[in-house]
Amino acid sequence: MKGHRATRRYGPLPLALGTAMIVVAWAAAARGIGAVIILPGPGHTIVALWSEMTDVGFYGHLIATVIRTMVGFALAFVVGLVWGLLSGSSTAAGAVLLPTLVLIRSTPVIAIILLALIWFRASLAPVFVTWLMVVPVVVENVTAGTRAASGSLREMATVYRVPRSRRIRELTLPALRPYLFASAHAGLGMAYKVTVAAEVIVQPRNALGGAMQEARFYLDTPRILALTLAVIAVSALTEWLLRAMERVAPGLLRGPGDDSPATEETPGLTARDAKAARTAPVVVSRVSRSYGPHTVLSGLSVTFEPGEITVVLGPSGCGKTTMLRLIAGLDEPESGSIAAPAHRSLVFQEPRLLPWADAAANIDFVLPRRNAARIRESLRLASLPAHGATFPAALSGGMQQRLSLARAFAHGGETILLDEPFQNLDLVVKLDLARQVRATTAGNVTIMVTHDVVEALATADRILIMAGSPARIVGEERVGLKQEERDPRSAAHQAHAARLYDLLLSAR
């Protein structure tokens, strides 16, 4: 891939110069040796190649070799893909399959060719050899790609209950894309070499390798080099076609969420007071959680009621995010219990966006059905109405976080979880988004964690102060501010803030 980009950047001149250097060195070596039977020059080889190309039998050899190569490569790619996905997604499966991979990789090619000659008929033996030699290349690349696929994105998909088929199509495959093409480039180059090598020994009826062996018998060195050039040319053409596929692959790997048509129904992203009567509270009962020797939560009990926004306010590292992950189902408590509705949204501390999908597609990823109106409305609420076709890399950090909020707005759910949702945002945007959160989550159980007093007062109906190690709830503040009083310049806001600062500082 790097070479391809260099060619596009600097033009064909370096490639032409490198080729000319090879031809000049070849011609000089042939002239110095002075024996065509040992090393024919470029002229003798071109004459021999032209002679082959005017012979109908040459094309039979060529087509048969290409078919064997592509069949062996295709079988290796399919098997290697499944094998690599298993090894990359399961440590246990990888350990079980590793000895087989080592065995294949360590066995000499000539031994495999000789065994294939015993096990299969001549026309199939090169296919088997190619398949077996290319499989490790594909397995290693796919395994690396599967392990490199972001665990944070998989967690995001788990929280939003994205179906497995869609995760594979829109998360796993795009993440694997560079590794798949890397294995294809390396595997195809090896496939041609192995196929021809096997044909030289196996001698099937039609084969470039068989023609090379025949030329060797007659000491026809120019013909051997001519047939070698033919293999190189076909391999280069295949590589070019693969690169063309690579350029269009992003569109092929990024499909729609399902086969149903996009809907234009009313987004429904406004306050839903009636829903509070149907939504169950979130009940955390005597929950404990440790990481290694460090106990984060010990016997924590707290209830979050529907129809109000509860902000858990505390210093960084006090256990707020741990509690939120337990409620989201991403971690399990060591003791105690958590009762929470299954349909939930979570805004993580970092945006966790699909880098290969634009803003609209990132929102669509978490929706059960495509809904263009809901996507547009969510982008508007997050102050990103003109960025539906923008990819995450082109958005600032703050805009990416707003996009993650838009995704949560669109998905909804009985439980809305917000983990430091306004970090990296300026004050004006924080206050605006806090207002949007209040407007769009009024009927839900909404839990937000933060260490910022201004964010807490801009958003909350109830504020819980968390502190200590293990963490505990050390204070509670009811927030009865009107919308205009949630401005940090207001006297009511400042009075609440003073009490919260007292609670935070006294709990240290």
Foldseek 3Di string as FASTA:
>chain_A
DVVVVVCVVPPCVVVVVVVVVVLVVLQVVCVVVVDVLVRNHPVLLVVLLVVLVVDPLSVQQVVLLVVLLVLLLVLLLVVLLVLLLQVQVDVVSVVVCVVVLVVLQPDDLVVQLVVLLVVDALSNSLSVSLNSNLNSLSNVLSSVLSNPQDPLLVVQCVLLVQDPVLCVLARSCVSSLVSSLVSVLVSSVVSSVSSLVSCLVSVDPRHLSNVLVVCVVVSVVSNNVSSVVVSVVVSVVVVVVSVVCSVVVLVVSHDASDDDDAAADALQQFADQVLLVVADKKWFAQFWDADPPATQAGGATDIFGFQFEEEEAADPPNCPVVVLCCQSVVDDTPDTDIDHDSQEHEQAPFLSFDQSQFLLSRLSSSDNHHYVNLSQVLCVLLVNNPRRRPGPVPDDRQSSLSSSSSSRSSSDTQEYEYEQSRPPHDPVSLLSNLVSCCGRRSRHRYYYYDNDLLSPLSHGQKYWYWHDRNIYTQDIDGHPDDNVCSPCVHPSSVVVSVVVVVSRVVRD
